[in-house]
Amino acid sequence: MFKIGIDLGGTKIETVILNPEGAEIYRNRVLTLQERGYAAIVNTVAEAYSNALTVINNKAHTFGIGTPGSVSSKTGLMKNSNTVCLNGKPLQKDLQKLINRPVSIENDANCFAMAEARIGAGKGHAVVFGVIMGTGCGGGIVIQNNVLNGLQSLGGEWGHMTVDPNGPLCYCGKKGCVETYISGSGISNQYFELTGKRLPAIHILESEQKEAVEVKESFLDQFGRALSNVISIIDPDMIVLGGGLSNYLPLYSEGIERVKKYIFSDDLITPIVKNKTGDSAGVLGAAWIGR
């Protein structure tokens, strides 16, 4: 059976088709154009799906969509999407009505974790925890090649665990969330509080300036603390890091040492590795989560 996946992001809508053997046979990308509003985005996604059907001559297939945010189990409406015009809208229901078939919608972090578990660094491992450290901080849990959503679709949402109740205020309303320390925005905000200046996170992490070193120390320490908590709860076979901050190489040495410092064990045997699917993780994962 063919697999069609669509990555619905804030700036692009990307489509991929995998053949029955799992090999990619088609990829296309168009602009999201948020300024045109919700209805236009729904129609663009439906058109992308229709174009994919033409490629496979309407043969049997699954279809999945990956996007930041998620479908509320309470209301069926989108929530927490950075494509803000989707929030509060019945995206899944409207798409299903428009294309006349079921649609699976998953959070982009879950799609990342799925792609890495299926064909990336976590391939062959039973339990994979996928981490996204980009502008924000998210995660996904894949067990035996199935996403663990949880009762409230909160599976893997480690970015909003509190690691310091007296820490920085998070956009979610709580203080000291993991995201306020180990995301690009969190690092930038901490540096701004110390200096009054805004810099990209990677510039701060690579700087030897006193304030930058202080932020970097906080970043590495909270990375170790937060991941050790995750390991204590799900004890995964592998942790795969993604997002822009996964390119910061000291994570795989100093960062791992901090995990060792905080883990509730006499040794850390959990592999913590860089992703292999890169920017393609979202759309590939969407294809694999389809039904």
C-alpha atoms as a PDB file:
ATOM      1  CA  MET A   1       0.000   0.000   0.000  1.00  0.00           C
ATOM      2  CA  PHE A   2       1.235   3.508  -0.813  1.00  0.00           C
ATOM      3  CA  LYS A   3       1.725   6.084   1.949  1.00  0.00           C
ATOM      4  CA  ILE A   4       0.909   9.776   1.478  1.00  0.00           C
ATOM      5  CA  GLY A   5       2.194  12.229   4.054  1.00  0.00           C
ATOM      6  CA  ILE A   6       1.764  15.986   4.334  1.00  0.00           C
ATOM      7  CA  ASP A   7       3.806  18.247   6.603  1.00  0.00           C
ATOM      8  CA  LEU A   8       1.657  21.296   7.369  1.00  0.00           C
ATOM      9  CA  GLY A   9       4.024  23.931   8.673  1.00  0.00           C
ATOM     10  CA  GLY A  10       3.851  27.645   9.281  1.00  0.00           C
ATOM     11  CA  THR A  11       5.660  28.487   6.044  1.00  0.00           C
ATOM     12  CA  LYS A  12       5.339  25.415   3.811  1.00  0.00           C
ATOM     13  CA  ILE A  13       3.050  22.507   3.022  1.00  0.00           C
ATOM     14  CA  GLU A  14       5.153  19.554   1.891  1.00  0.00           C
ATOM     15  CA  THR A  15       3.860  16.301   0.409  1.00  0.00           C
ATOM     16  CA  VAL A  16       5.632  12.958   0.088  1.00  0.00           C
ATOM     17  CA  ILE A  17       4.591   9.579  -1.310  1.00  0.00           C
ATOM     18  CA  LEU A  18       6.207   6.317  -0.232  1.00  0.00           C
ATOM     19  CA  ASN A  19       5.729   3.200  -2.320  1.00  0.00           C
ATOM     20  CA  PRO A  20       4.638  -0.119  -0.729  1.00  0.00           C
ATOM     21  CA  GLU A  21       8.291  -0.906   0.024  1.00  0.00           C
ATOM     22  CA  GLY A  22       8.705   2.408   1.882  1.00  0.00           C
ATOM     23  CA  ALA A  23      10.832   4.156  -0.750  1.00  0.00           C
ATOM     24  CA  GLU A  24      10.133   7.788  -1.601  1.00  0.00           C
ATOM     25  CA  ILE A  25       8.703   8.269  -5.097  1.00  0.00           C
ATOM     26  CA  TYR A  26       7.314  11.817  -4.973  1.00  0.00           C
ATOM     27  CA  ARG A  27       7.859  15.064  -3.105  1.00  0.00           C
ATOM     28  CA  ASN A  28       6.372  18.504  -3.580  1.00  0.00           C
ATOM     29  CA  ARG A  29       6.351  21.733  -1.588  1.00  0.00           C
ATOM     30  CA  VAL A  30       4.127  24.830  -1.691  1.00  0.00           C
ATOM     31  CA  LEU A  31       3.851  27.896   0.544  1.00  0.00           C
ATOM     32  CA  THR A  32       1.389  27.839   3.437  1.00  0.00           C
ATOM     33  CA  LEU A  33       0.425  31.508   2.998  1.00  0.00           C
ATOM     34  CA  GLN A  34      -1.134  31.910   6.437  1.00  0.00           C
ATOM     35  CA  GLU A  35      -2.281  35.414   5.562  1.00  0.00           C
ATOM     36  CA  ARG A  36      -4.936  33.934   3.263  1.00  0.00           C
ATOM     37  CA  GLY A  37      -6.623  32.337   6.231  1.00  0.00           C
ATOM     38  CA  TYR A  38      -7.903  28.985   7.428  1.00  0.00           C
ATOM     39  CA  ALA A  39     -10.128  28.045   4.475  1.00  0.00           C
ATOM     40  CA  ALA A  40      -7.316  28.667   1.999  1.00  0.00           C
ATOM     41  CA  ILE A  41      -4.955  26.386   3.946  1.00  0.00           C
ATOM     42  CA  VAL A  42      -7.552  23.610   4.110  1.00  0.00           C
ATOM     43  CA  ASN A  43      -8.085  23.877   0.354  1.00  0.00           C
ATOM     44  CA  THR A  44      -4.320  23.854  -0.297  1.00  0.00           C
ATOM     45  CA  VAL A  45      -3.888  20.676   1.749  1.00  0.00           C
ATOM     46  CA  ALA A  46      -6.812  19.052  -0.071  1.00  0.00           C
ATOM     47  CA  GLU A  47      -5.298  20.040  -3.414  1.00  0.00           C
ATOM     48  CA  ALA A  48      -1.903  18.618  -2.402  1.00  0.00           C
ATOM     49  CA  TYR A  49      -3.607  15.348  -1.482  1.00  0.00           C
ATOM     50  CA  SER A  50      -5.501  15.298  -4.792  1.00  0.00           C
ATOM     51  CA  ASN A  51      -2.253  15.825  -6.721  1.00  0.00           C
ATOM     52  CA  ALA A  52      -0.667  12.929  -4.843  1.00  0.00           C
ATOM     53  CA  LEU A  53      -3.614  10.695  -5.749  1.00  0.00           C
ATOM     54  CA  THR A  54      -2.987  11.464  -9.403  1.00  0.00           C
ATOM     55  CA  VAL A  55       0.625  10.332  -9.065  1.00  0.00           C
ATOM     56  CA  ILE A  56      -0.403   6.903  -7.733  1.00  0.00           C
ATOM     57  CA  ASN A  57      -3.465   6.614  -9.998  1.00  0.00           C
ATOM     58  CA  ASN A  58      -5.824   6.464  -7.010  1.00  0.00           C
ATOM     59  CA  LYS A  59      -4.304   3.204  -5.782  1.00  0.00           C
ATOM     60  CA  ALA A  60      -4.786   2.002  -2.207  1.00  0.00           C
ATOM     61  CA  HIS A  61      -2.945   4.196   0.278  1.00  0.00           C
ATOM     62  CA  THR A  62      -2.778   5.612   3.777  1.00  0.00           C
ATOM     63  CA  PHE A  63      -2.806   9.341   4.504  1.00  0.00           C
ATOM     64  CA  GLY A  64      -1.316  11.267   7.419  1.00  0.00           C
ATOM     65  CA  ILE A  65      -0.681  14.904   8.292  1.00  0.00           C
ATOM     66  CA  GLY A  66       1.971  16.220  10.654  1.00  0.00           C
ATOM     67  CA  THR A  67       1.752  19.738  12.073  1.00  0.00           C
ATOM     68  CA  PRO A  68       2.762  21.737  15.140  1.00  0.00           C
ATOM     69  CA  GLY A  69      -0.021  21.601  17.687  1.00  0.00           C
ATOM     70  CA  SER A  70      -2.596  18.855  18.055  1.00  0.00           C
ATOM     71  CA  VAL A  71      -6.281  17.988  17.856  1.00  0.00           C
ATOM     72  CA  SER A  72      -7.979  18.447  21.223  1.00  0.00           C
ATOM     73  CA  SER A  73      -9.473  15.200  22.490  1.00  0.00           C
ATOM     74  CA  LYS A  74     -12.105  17.299  24.277  1.00  0.00           C
ATOM     75  CA  THR A  75     -13.308  19.527  21.435  1.00  0.00           C
ATOM     76  CA  GLY A  76     -11.884  18.043  18.229  1.00  0.00           C
ATOM     77  CA  LEU A  77     -10.422  21.479  17.447  1.00  0.00           C
ATOM     78  CA  MET A  78      -6.798  22.365  16.764  1.00  0.00           C
ATOM     79  CA  LYS A  79      -4.736  23.783  19.624  1.00  0.00           C
ATOM     80  CA  ASN A  80      -1.158  25.015  20.189  1.00  0.00           C
ATOM     81  CA  SER A  81      -0.391  25.460  16.477  1.00  0.00           C
ATOM     82  CA  ASN A  82       2.121  28.075  15.329  1.00  0.00           C
ATOM     83  CA  THR A  83      -0.049  28.402  12.230  1.00  0.00           C
ATOM     84  CA  VAL A  84      -2.322  30.447  14.442  1.00  0.00           C
ATOM     85  CA  CYS A  85      -5.305  30.580  12.088  1.00  0.00           C
ATOM     86  CA  LEU A  86      -5.693  26.804  12.610  1.00  0.00           C
ATOM     87  CA  ASN A  87      -6.223  27.116  16.355  1.00  0.00           C
ATOM     88  CA  GLY A  88      -9.809  26.579  17.428  1.00  0.00           C
ATOM     89  CA  LYS A  89     -10.711  25.156  14.013  1.00  0.00           C
ATOM     90  CA  PRO A  90     -12.023  21.646  13.166  1.00  0.00           C
ATOM     91  CA  LEU A  91      -9.159  20.927  10.757  1.00  0.00           C
ATOM     92  CA  GLN A  92      -9.494  17.152  10.844  1.00  0.00           C
ATOM     93  CA  LYS A  93     -13.284  17.222  10.387  1.00  0.00           C
ATOM     94  CA  ASP A  94     -13.164  19.784   7.589  1.00  0.00           C
ATOM     95  CA  LEU A  95     -10.449  17.932   5.677  1.00  0.00           C
ATOM     96  CA  GLN A  96     -12.226  14.602   6.005  1.00  0.00           C
ATOM     97  CA  LYS A  97     -15.394  16.165   4.634  1.00  0.00           C
ATOM     98  CA  LEU A  98     -13.541  17.812   1.756  1.00  0.00           C
ATOM     99  CA  ILE A  99     -11.598  14.743   0.597  1.00  0.00           C
ATOM    100  CA  ASN A 100     -14.175  12.158   1.720  1.00  0.00           C
ATOM    101  CA  ARG A 101     -11.825   9.908   3.697  1.00  0.00           C
ATOM    102  CA  PRO A 102     -10.338   9.556   7.207  1.00  0.00           C
ATOM    103  CA  VAL A 103      -7.350  11.763   8.033  1.00  0.00           C
ATOM    104  CA  SER A 104      -4.733  11.091  10.706  1.00  0.00           C
ATOM    105  CA  ILE A 105      -3.244  14.268  12.216  1.00  0.00           C
ATOM    106  CA  GLU A 106      -0.224  14.080  14.515  1.00  0.00           C
ATOM    107  CA  ASN A 107       1.953  16.606  16.275  1.00  0.00           C
ATOM    108  CA  ASP A 108       5.179  17.318  14.373  1.00  0.00           C
ATOM    109  CA  ALA A 109       7.309  16.000  17.243  1.00  0.00           C
ATOM    110  CA  ASN A 110       5.482  12.661  17.052  1.00  0.00           C
ATOM    111  CA  CYS A 111       6.122  12.595  13.312  1.00  0.00           C
ATOM    112  CA  PHE A 112       9.807  13.275  13.924  1.00  0.00           C
ATOM    113  CA  ALA A 113       9.975  10.426  16.431  1.00  0.00           C
ATOM    114  CA  MET A 114       8.154   8.091  14.043  1.00  0.00           C
ATOM    115  CA  ALA A 115      10.476   8.879  11.143  1.00  0.00           C
ATOM    116  CA  GLU A 116      13.545   8.284  13.287  1.00  0.00           C
ATOM    117  CA  ALA A 117      12.110   5.045  14.690  1.00  0.00           C
ATOM    118  CA  ARG A 118      11.142   3.714  11.256  1.00  0.00           C
ATOM    119  CA  ILE A 119      14.032   4.743   9.029  1.00  0.00           C
ATOM    120  CA  GLY A 120      16.373   6.935  11.054  1.00  0.00           C
ATOM    121  CA  ALA A 121      18.742   6.637  13.979  1.00  0.00           C
ATOM    122  CA  GLY A 122      16.208   4.694  16.067  1.00  0.00           C
ATOM    123  CA  LYS A 123      15.487   2.030  13.457  1.00  0.00           C
ATOM    124  CA  GLY A 124      15.370  -1.427  15.007  1.00  0.00           C
ATOM    125  CA  HIS A 125      14.773  -0.168  18.540  1.00  0.00           C
ATOM    126  CA  ALA A 126      11.556  -0.986  20.382  1.00  0.00           C
ATOM    127  CA  VAL A 127      11.171   2.250  22.367  1.00  0.00           C
ATOM    128  CA  VAL A 128      12.398   5.532  20.875  1.00  0.00           C
ATOM    129  CA  PHE A 129      12.113   8.963  22.448  1.00  0.00           C
ATOM    130  CA  GLY A 130      12.415  11.689  19.822  1.00  0.00           C
ATOM    131  CA  VAL A 131      13.420  15.165  20.968  1.00  0.00           C
ATOM    132  CA  ILE A 132      12.920  18.411  19.057  1.00  0.00           C
ATOM    133  CA  MET A 133      14.937  21.353  20.315  1.00  0.00           C
ATOM    134  CA  GLY A 134      14.249  24.219  17.954  1.00  0.00           C
ATOM    135  CA  THR A 135      12.418  27.480  18.569  1.00  0.00           C
ATOM    136  CA  GLY A 136      10.447  25.481  21.114  1.00  0.00           C
ATOM    137  CA  CYS A 137      10.995  22.100  22.743  1.00  0.00           C
ATOM    138  CA  GLY A 138       8.891  19.017  22.080  1.00  0.00           C
ATOM    139  CA  GLY A 139       9.104  15.270  22.004  1.00  0.00           C
ATOM    140  CA  GLY A 140       7.459  12.069  20.899  1.00  0.00           C
ATOM    141  CA  ILE A 141       7.431   8.462  22.090  1.00  0.00           C
ATOM    142  CA  VAL A 142       7.325   5.565  19.628  1.00  0.00           C
ATOM    143  CA  ILE A 143       6.848   2.023  20.925  1.00  0.00           C
ATOM    144  CA  GLN A 144       7.105  -0.867  18.473  1.00  0.00           C
ATOM    145  CA  ASN A 145       6.681   1.615  15.605  1.00  0.00           C
ATOM    146  CA  ASN A 146       3.505   3.105  17.088  1.00  0.00           C
ATOM    147  CA  VAL A 147       3.179   6.635  18.484  1.00  0.00           C
ATOM    148  CA  LEU A 148       2.211   6.774  22.152  1.00  0.00           C
ATOM    149  CA  ASN A 149      -0.260   9.665  22.254  1.00  0.00           C
ATOM    150  CA  GLY A 150      -1.620   9.152  25.738  1.00  0.00           C
ATOM    151  CA  LEU A 151      -5.121   9.776  27.038  1.00  0.00           C
ATOM    152  CA  GLN A 152      -4.871  13.556  26.542  1.00  0.00           C
ATOM    153  CA  SER A 153      -2.463  13.574  23.580  1.00  0.00           C
ATOM    154  CA  LEU A 154       0.338  14.614  25.918  1.00  0.00           C
ATOM    155  CA  GLY A 155       2.690  11.690  25.301  1.00  0.00           C
ATOM    156  CA  GLY A 156       6.254  12.965  24.970  1.00  0.00           C
ATOM    157  CA  GLU A 157       5.486  16.607  25.844  1.00  0.00           C
ATOM    158  CA  TRP A 158       8.586  16.966  27.985  1.00  0.00           C
ATOM    159  CA  GLY A 159       9.042  20.629  26.990  1.00  0.00           C
ATOM    160  CA  HIS A 160       6.474  21.656  29.568  1.00  0.00           C
ATOM    161  CA  MET A 161       7.708  19.634  32.502  1.00  0.00           C
ATOM    162  CA  THR A 162       8.714  22.015  35.288  1.00  0.00           C
ATOM    163  CA  VAL A 163      12.381  21.757  36.246  1.00  0.00           C
ATOM    164  CA  ASP A 164      12.464  24.932  38.350  1.00  0.00           C
ATOM    165  CA  PRO A 165       9.236  26.401  39.794  1.00  0.00           C
ATOM    166  CA  ASN A 166      11.114  29.677  40.365  1.00  0.00           C
ATOM    167  CA  GLY A 167      12.465  29.766  36.835  1.00  0.00           C
ATOM    168  CA  PRO A 168      11.534  31.907  33.812  1.00  0.00           C
ATOM    169  CA  LEU A 169       7.886  32.385  32.883  1.00  0.00           C
ATOM    170  CA  CYS A 170       6.842  30.141  29.984  1.00  0.00           C
ATOM    171  CA  TYR A 171       4.234  31.111  27.390  1.00  0.00           C
ATOM    172  CA  CYS A 172       2.068  28.256  28.743  1.00  0.00           C
ATOM    173  CA  GLY A 173       1.669  30.190  31.995  1.00  0.00           C
ATOM    174  CA  LYS A 174       3.925  28.060  34.200  1.00  0.00           C
ATOM    175  CA  LYS A 175       7.425  28.896  35.398  1.00  0.00           C
ATOM    176  CA  GLY A 176      10.619  26.963  34.771  1.00  0.00           C
ATOM    177  CA  CYS A 177       9.442  24.682  31.977  1.00  0.00           C
ATOM    178  CA  VAL A 178      12.111  22.685  30.154  1.00  0.00           C
ATOM    179  CA  GLU A 179      11.392  24.808  27.068  1.00  0.00           C
ATOM    180  CA  THR A 180      12.456  27.995  28.867  1.00  0.00           C
ATOM    181  CA  TYR A 181      15.957  26.541  29.246  1.00  0.00           C
ATOM    182  CA  ILE A 182      16.735  24.255  26.312  1.00  0.00           C
ATOM    183  CA  SER A 183      15.000  25.753  23.293  1.00  0.00           C
ATOM    184  CA  GLY A 184      16.261  28.404  20.933  1.00  0.00           C
ATOM    185  CA  SER A 185      13.787  30.949  22.294  1.00  0.00           C
ATOM    186  CA  GLY A 186      14.600  29.987  25.878  1.00  0.00           C
ATOM    187  CA  ILE A 187      18.337  30.454  25.397  1.00  0.00           C
ATOM    188  CA  SER A 188      17.801  33.773  23.617  1.00  0.00           C
ATOM    189  CA  ASN A 189      15.454  35.000  26.353  1.00  0.00           C
ATOM    190  CA  GLN A 190      17.884  34.069  29.138  1.00  0.00           C
ATOM    191  CA  TYR A 191      20.687  35.932  27.396  1.00  0.00           C
ATOM    192  CA  PHE A 192      18.431  38.950  26.906  1.00  0.00           C
ATOM    193  CA  GLU A 193      17.594  39.022  30.616  1.00  0.00           C
ATOM    194  CA  LEU A 194      21.326  39.157  31.410  1.00  0.00           C
ATOM    195  CA  THR A 195      22.486  41.579  28.723  1.00  0.00           C
ATOM    196  CA  GLY A 196      19.499  43.381  27.219  1.00  0.00           C
ATOM    197  CA  LYS A 197      20.634  42.085  23.802  1.00  0.00           C
ATOM    198  CA  ARG A 198      19.033  39.584  21.425  1.00  0.00           C
ATOM    199  CA  LEU A 199      21.222  36.978  19.719  1.00  0.00           C
ATOM    200  CA  PRO A 200      20.449  33.662  17.955  1.00  0.00           C
ATOM    201  CA  ALA A 201      20.773  30.724  20.337  1.00  0.00           C
ATOM    202  CA  ILE A 202      23.619  29.062  18.448  1.00  0.00           C
ATOM    203  CA  HIS A 203      25.679  32.289  18.609  1.00  0.00           C
ATOM    204  CA  ILE A 204      25.191  32.386  22.360  1.00  0.00           C
ATOM    205  CA  LEU A 205      26.201  28.745  22.797  1.00  0.00           C
ATOM    206  CA  GLU A 206      29.361  29.264  20.750  1.00  0.00           C
ATOM    207  CA  SER A 207      30.397  32.449  22.571  1.00  0.00           C
ATOM    208  CA  GLU A 208      32.902  32.635  25.433  1.00  0.00           C
ATOM    209  CA  GLN A 209      31.453  35.879  26.776  1.00  0.00           C
ATOM    210  CA  LYS A 210      30.737  35.687  30.521  1.00  0.00           C
ATOM    211  CA  GLU A 211      26.929  35.950  30.194  1.00  0.00           C
ATOM    212  CA  ALA A 212      26.868  33.501  27.287  1.00  0.00           C
ATOM    213  CA  VAL A 213      28.875  30.968  29.307  1.00  0.00           C
ATOM    214  CA  GLU A 214      26.352  31.337  32.137  1.00  0.00           C
ATOM    215  CA  VAL A 215      23.446  30.630  29.776  1.00  0.00           C
ATOM    216  CA  LYS A 216      25.321  27.711  28.208  1.00  0.00           C
ATOM    217  CA  GLU A 217      25.937  26.188  31.629  1.00  0.00           C
ATOM    218  CA  SER A 218      22.232  26.458  32.431  1.00  0.00           C
ATOM    219  CA  PHE A 219      21.350  24.912  29.065  1.00  0.00           C
ATOM    220  CA  LEU A 220      23.572  21.871  29.510  1.00  0.00           C
ATOM    221  CA  ASP A 221      22.578  21.356  33.140  1.00  0.00           C
ATOM    222  CA  GLN A 222      18.857  21.512  32.485  1.00  0.00           C
ATOM    223  CA  PHE A 223      19.276  19.280  29.424  1.00  0.00           C
ATOM    224  CA  GLY A 224      20.818  16.651  31.696  1.00  0.00           C
ATOM    225  CA  ARG A 225      18.228  17.093  34.411  1.00  0.00           C
ATOM    226  CA  ALA A 226      15.249  16.956  32.038  1.00  0.00           C
ATOM    227  CA  LEU A 227      16.437  13.952  30.010  1.00  0.00           C
ATOM    228  CA  SER A 228      17.289  12.025  33.167  1.00  0.00           C
ATOM    229  CA  ASN A 229      13.669  12.549  34.262  1.00  0.00           C
ATOM    230  CA  VAL A 230      12.421  11.195  30.928  1.00  0.00           C
ATOM    231  CA  ILE A 231      14.680   8.145  31.236  1.00  0.00           C
ATOM    232  CA  SER A 232      13.388   7.505  34.761  1.00  0.00           C
ATOM    233  CA  ILE A 233       9.817   7.393  33.443  1.00  0.00           C
ATOM    234  CA  ILE A 234      10.021   5.529  30.123  1.00  0.00           C
ATOM    235  CA  ASP A 235      13.619   4.187  30.042  1.00  0.00           C
ATOM    236  CA  PRO A 236      13.752   4.223  26.206  1.00  0.00           C
ATOM    237  CA  ASP A 237      16.058   2.081  24.095  1.00  0.00           C
ATOM    238  CA  MET A 238      17.272   5.216  22.322  1.00  0.00           C
ATOM    239  CA  ILE A 239      16.937   8.990  22.484  1.00  0.00           C
ATOM    240  CA  VAL A 240      17.222  10.849  19.175  1.00  0.00           C
ATOM    241  CA  LEU A 241      17.845  14.593  19.150  1.00  0.00           C
ATOM    242  CA  GLY A 242      16.390  16.835  16.451  1.00  0.00           C
ATOM    243  CA  GLY A 243      15.777  20.512  15.769  1.00  0.00           C
ATOM    244  CA  GLY A 244      18.367  23.210  15.232  1.00  0.00           C
ATOM    245  CA  LEU A 245      20.011  22.785  18.643  1.00  0.00           C
ATOM    246  CA  SER A 246      20.719  19.109  17.907  1.00  0.00           C
ATOM    247  CA  ASN A 247      23.605  20.426  15.779  1.00  0.00           C
ATOM    248  CA  TYR A 248      25.350  21.714  18.909  1.00  0.00           C
ATOM    249  CA  LEU A 249      28.026  19.014  19.253  1.00  0.00           C
ATOM    250  CA  PRO A 250      28.809  19.457  23.004  1.00  0.00           C
ATOM    251  CA  LEU A 251      25.379  17.931  23.683  1.00  0.00           C
ATOM    252  CA  TYR A 252      26.844  14.551  22.750  1.00  0.00           C
ATOM    253  CA  SER A 253      29.697  14.894  25.237  1.00  0.00           C
ATOM    254  CA  GLU A 254      29.079  17.488  27.972  1.00  0.00           C
ATOM    255  CA  GLY A 255      25.304  17.110  27.673  1.00  0.00           C
ATOM    256  CA  ILE A 256      25.466  13.356  28.092  1.00  0.00           C
ATOM    257  CA  GLU A 257      27.730  13.814  31.107  1.00  0.00           C
ATOM    258  CA  ARG A 258      25.014  15.934  32.705  1.00  0.00           C
ATOM    259  CA  VAL A 259      22.457  13.199  32.070  1.00  0.00           C
ATOM    260  CA  LYS A 260      24.819  10.782  33.824  1.00  0.00           C
ATOM    261  CA  LYS A 261      25.030  13.195  36.743  1.00  0.00           C
ATOM    262  CA  TYR A 262      21.281  13.212  37.336  1.00  0.00           C
ATOM    263  CA  ILE A 263      20.120   9.755  36.244  1.00  0.00           C
ATOM    264  CA  PHE A 264      18.716   7.438  38.924  1.00  0.00           C
ATOM    265  CA  SER A 265      21.182   4.672  38.125  1.00  0.00           C
ATOM    266  CA  ASP A 266      24.822   3.788  38.609  1.00  0.00           C
ATOM    267  CA  ASP A 267      25.397   4.091  34.853  1.00  0.00           C
ATOM    268  CA  LEU A 268      23.887   5.589  31.702  1.00  0.00           C
ATOM    269  CA  ILE A 269      23.560   3.043  28.913  1.00  0.00           C
ATOM    270  CA  THR A 270      20.826   4.861  26.950  1.00  0.00           C
ATOM    271  CA  PRO A 271      22.202   5.950  23.541  1.00  0.00           C
ATOM    272  CA  ILE A 272      21.625   9.684  22.969  1.00  0.00           C
ATOM    273  CA  VAL A 273      22.257  10.369  19.293  1.00  0.00           C
ATOM    274  CA  LYS A 274      21.738  12.873  16.507  1.00  0.00           C
ATOM    275  CA  ASN A 275      18.910  12.357  14.045  1.00  0.00           C
ATOM    276  CA  LYS A 276      19.394  10.932  10.551  1.00  0.00           C
ATOM    277  CA  THR A 277      16.266  12.143   8.742  1.00  0.00           C
ATOM    278  CA  GLY A 278      16.944  15.867   9.226  1.00  0.00           C
ATOM    279  CA  ASP A 279      14.459  18.314   7.710  1.00  0.00           C
ATOM    280  CA  SER A 280      12.588  15.425   6.066  1.00  0.00           C
ATOM    281  CA  ALA A 281      11.510  13.926   9.389  1.00  0.00           C
ATOM    282  CA  GLY A 282       8.177  15.740   9.571  1.00  0.00           C
ATOM    283  CA  VAL A 283       6.818  14.758   6.190  1.00  0.00           C
ATOM    284  CA  LEU A 284       8.232  11.213   6.310  1.00  0.00           C
ATOM    285  CA  GLY A 285       6.781  10.686   9.764  1.00  0.00           C
ATOM    286  CA  ALA A 286       3.424  11.977   8.539  1.00  0.00           C
ATOM    287  CA  ALA A 287       3.464   9.304   5.839  1.00  0.00           C
ATOM    288  CA  TRP A 288       4.204   6.582   8.396  1.00  0.00           C
ATOM    289  CA  ILE A 289       1.463   7.646  10.841  1.00  0.00           C
ATOM    290  CA  GLY A 290      -1.269   7.632   8.188  1.00  0.00           C
ATOM    291  CA  ARG A 291      -4.235   5.308   8.082  1.00  0.00           C
END
